[in-house]
Amino acid sequence: MTVCDVRGRRVRQLWTGMLASGRTLVPWDGRDDRGVAVPSGVYFLRATAGAAADVTRVVRVR
């Protein structure tokens, strides 16, 4: 699962590897890969499973 900004750039890699089927909570603390808090704005969470992908829009408010 990856967090991207509105330009499609990766902000944070939240998870790599396999997860069990069903619901899974993958928290994001609002920081980028360097540990720096990202500004308020729109971000996209991208999850992939094989060839399938799902993107969800989220709004971060600090």
N, C-alpha and C. Protein backbone atom coordinates (compact mmCIF):
# COMPACT_ATOMS: atom_id res chain seq x y z
N MET A 1 0.85 -1.17 0.00
CA MET A 1 0.00 0.00 0.00
C MET A 1 0.90 1.22 0.00
N THR A 2 0.56 2.16 -0.86
CA THR A 2 1.39 3.35 -1.07
C THR A 2 0.55 4.61 -0.94
N VAL A 3 1.10 5.64 -0.32
CA VAL A 3 0.47 6.95 -0.27
C VAL A 3 1.15 7.81 -1.33
N CYS A 4 0.33 8.45 -2.19
CA CYS A 4 0.85 9.32 -3.24
C CYS A 4 0.23 10.71 -3.11
N ASP A 5 0.96 11.72 -3.60
CA ASP A 5 0.40 13.07 -3.61
C ASP A 5 -0.42 13.27 -4.87
N VAL A 6 -0.97 14.47 -5.06
CA VAL A 6 -1.85 14.72 -6.21
C VAL A 6 -1.11 14.67 -7.54
N ARG A 7 0.20 14.74 -7.51
CA ARG A 7 0.99 14.62 -8.75
C ARG A 7 1.41 13.18 -9.04
N GLY A 8 1.00 12.26 -8.17
CA GLY A 8 1.31 10.86 -8.38
C GLY A 8 2.64 10.42 -7.80
N ARG A 9 3.32 11.31 -7.10
CA ARG A 9 4.62 10.96 -6.50
C ARG A 9 4.40 10.19 -5.21
N ARG A 10 5.23 9.18 -5.01
CA ARG A 10 5.13 8.41 -3.78
C ARG A 10 5.53 9.27 -2.59
N VAL A 11 4.69 9.24 -1.57
CA VAL A 11 4.95 9.95 -0.33
C VAL A 11 5.43 8.97 0.73
N ARG A 12 4.72 7.84 0.82
CA ARG A 12 5.05 6.86 1.85
C ARG A 12 4.68 5.46 1.39
N GLN A 13 5.55 4.52 1.61
CA GLN A 13 5.25 3.11 1.37
C GLN A 13 4.79 2.54 2.71
N LEU A 14 3.50 2.21 2.82
CA LEU A 14 2.96 1.75 4.09
C LEU A 14 3.12 0.25 4.29
N TRP A 15 3.04 -0.50 3.21
CA TRP A 15 3.09 -1.96 3.36
C TRP A 15 3.59 -2.58 2.08
N THR A 16 4.45 -3.57 2.20
CA THR A 16 4.84 -4.39 1.06
C THR A 16 4.66 -5.83 1.48
N GLY A 17 4.34 -6.66 0.55
CA GLY A 17 4.16 -8.07 0.87
C GLY A 17 2.70 -8.46 0.87
N MET A 18 2.46 -9.66 1.36
CA MET A 18 1.12 -10.24 1.35
C MET A 18 0.38 -9.94 2.64
N LEU A 19 -0.94 -9.84 2.52
CA LEU A 19 -1.83 -9.71 3.68
C LEU A 19 -2.88 -10.80 3.59
N ALA A 20 -3.42 -11.18 4.73
CA ALA A 20 -4.51 -12.14 4.74
C ALA A 20 -5.74 -11.51 4.09
N SER A 21 -6.60 -12.34 3.53
CA SER A 21 -7.82 -11.82 2.92
C SER A 21 -8.73 -11.23 3.99
N GLY A 22 -9.61 -10.35 3.58
CA GLY A 22 -10.52 -9.70 4.52
C GLY A 22 -10.04 -8.30 4.85
N ARG A 23 -10.62 -7.73 5.88
CA ARG A 23 -10.26 -6.37 6.28
C ARG A 23 -8.94 -6.34 7.03
N THR A 24 -8.13 -5.36 6.70
CA THR A 24 -6.85 -5.16 7.37
C THR A 24 -6.67 -3.67 7.61
N LEU A 25 -6.29 -3.30 8.79
CA LEU A 25 -6.03 -1.90 9.11
C LEU A 25 -4.54 -1.61 8.91
N VAL A 26 -4.26 -0.65 8.05
CA VAL A 26 -2.88 -0.22 7.80
C VAL A 26 -2.82 1.27 8.13
N PRO A 27 -2.38 1.63 9.33
CA PRO A 27 -2.39 3.04 9.73
C PRO A 27 -1.31 3.86 9.03
N TRP A 28 -1.60 5.14 8.86
CA TRP A 28 -0.63 6.09 8.33
C TRP A 28 -0.56 7.25 9.32
N ASP A 29 0.62 7.57 9.78
CA ASP A 29 0.80 8.62 10.78
C ASP A 29 0.96 10.02 10.17
N GLY A 30 0.75 10.14 8.87
CA GLY A 30 0.84 11.45 8.22
C GLY A 30 2.26 11.87 7.90
N ARG A 31 3.18 10.92 7.92
CA ARG A 31 4.59 11.23 7.63
C ARG A 31 5.01 10.60 6.31
N ASP A 32 6.04 11.17 5.71
CA ASP A 32 6.57 10.61 4.47
C ASP A 32 7.60 9.53 4.78
N ASP A 33 8.25 9.01 3.75
CA ASP A 33 9.25 7.95 3.93
C ASP A 33 10.45 8.38 4.78
N ARG A 34 10.69 9.70 4.87
CA ARG A 34 11.81 10.22 5.67
C ARG A 34 11.42 10.51 7.11
N GLY A 35 10.12 10.35 7.42
CA GLY A 35 9.65 10.63 8.77
C GLY A 35 9.19 12.05 9.00
N VAL A 36 9.10 12.83 7.93
CA VAL A 36 8.68 14.23 8.01
C VAL A 36 7.17 14.32 7.82
N ALA A 37 6.49 15.07 8.69
CA ALA A 37 5.04 15.24 8.58
C ALA A 37 4.71 15.95 7.26
N VAL A 38 3.75 15.41 6.52
CA VAL A 38 3.35 16.01 5.25
C VAL A 38 2.32 17.10 5.51
N PRO A 39 2.23 18.08 4.61
CA PRO A 39 1.25 19.16 4.81
C PRO A 39 -0.18 18.69 4.58
N SER A 40 -1.12 19.51 5.03
CA SER A 40 -2.53 19.24 4.76
C SER A 40 -2.74 19.19 3.26
N GLY A 41 -3.68 18.37 2.82
CA GLY A 41 -3.97 18.28 1.40
C GLY A 41 -4.60 16.96 1.04
N VAL A 42 -4.77 16.74 -0.25
CA VAL A 42 -5.36 15.51 -0.77
C VAL A 42 -4.24 14.53 -1.09
N TYR A 43 -4.44 13.29 -0.68
CA TYR A 43 -3.50 12.21 -0.95
C TYR A 43 -4.29 11.01 -1.45
N PHE A 44 -3.59 10.08 -2.06
CA PHE A 44 -4.23 8.89 -2.60
C PHE A 44 -3.55 7.65 -2.02
N LEU A 45 -4.36 6.72 -1.54
CA LEU A 45 -3.87 5.43 -1.05
C LEU A 45 -4.06 4.42 -2.17
N ARG A 46 -2.99 3.77 -2.55
CA ARG A 46 -3.04 2.80 -3.65
C ARG A 46 -2.68 1.43 -3.12
N ALA A 47 -3.61 0.50 -3.29
CA ALA A 47 -3.39 -0.89 -2.89
C ALA A 47 -3.41 -1.75 -4.14
N THR A 48 -2.49 -2.69 -4.23
CA THR A 48 -2.44 -3.59 -5.38
C THR A 48 -2.49 -5.03 -4.92
N ALA A 49 -3.09 -5.85 -5.76
CA ALA A 49 -3.14 -7.29 -5.53
C ALA A 49 -3.02 -7.95 -6.89
N GLY A 50 -1.82 -8.40 -7.20
CA GLY A 50 -1.59 -8.96 -8.53
C GLY A 50 -1.72 -7.86 -9.56
N ALA A 51 -2.59 -8.08 -10.57
CA ALA A 51 -2.81 -7.07 -11.61
C ALA A 51 -3.88 -6.06 -11.21
N ALA A 52 -4.59 -6.31 -10.12
CA ALA A 52 -5.67 -5.41 -9.69
C ALA A 52 -5.11 -4.31 -8.79
N ALA A 53 -5.72 -3.13 -8.89
CA ALA A 53 -5.32 -2.01 -8.04
C ALA A 53 -6.56 -1.23 -7.63
N ASP A 54 -6.50 -0.64 -6.45
CA ASP A 54 -7.60 0.19 -5.96
C ASP A 54 -6.99 1.46 -5.39
N VAL A 55 -7.59 2.59 -5.71
CA VAL A 55 -7.10 3.88 -5.24
C VAL A 55 -8.22 4.57 -4.47
N THR A 56 -7.87 5.09 -3.29
CA THR A 56 -8.82 5.81 -2.45
C THR A 56 -8.26 7.19 -2.14
N ARG A 57 -9.10 8.20 -2.28
CA ARG A 57 -8.69 9.57 -1.99
C ARG A 57 -8.90 9.85 -0.51
N VAL A 58 -7.91 10.47 0.12
CA VAL A 58 -8.01 10.87 1.52
C VAL A 58 -7.59 12.33 1.64
N VAL A 59 -8.10 13.00 2.65
CA VAL A 59 -7.73 14.39 2.92
C VAL A 59 -7.03 14.43 4.26
N ARG A 60 -5.85 14.99 4.27
CA ARG A 60 -5.10 15.14 5.53
C ARG A 60 -5.27 16.57 6.01
N VAL A 61 -5.70 16.71 7.26
CA VAL A 61 -5.86 18.02 7.87
C VAL A 61 -5.02 18.04 9.13
N ARG A 62 -4.11 18.99 9.22
CA ARG A 62 -3.23 19.08 10.39
C ARG A 62 -3.75 20.09 11.36
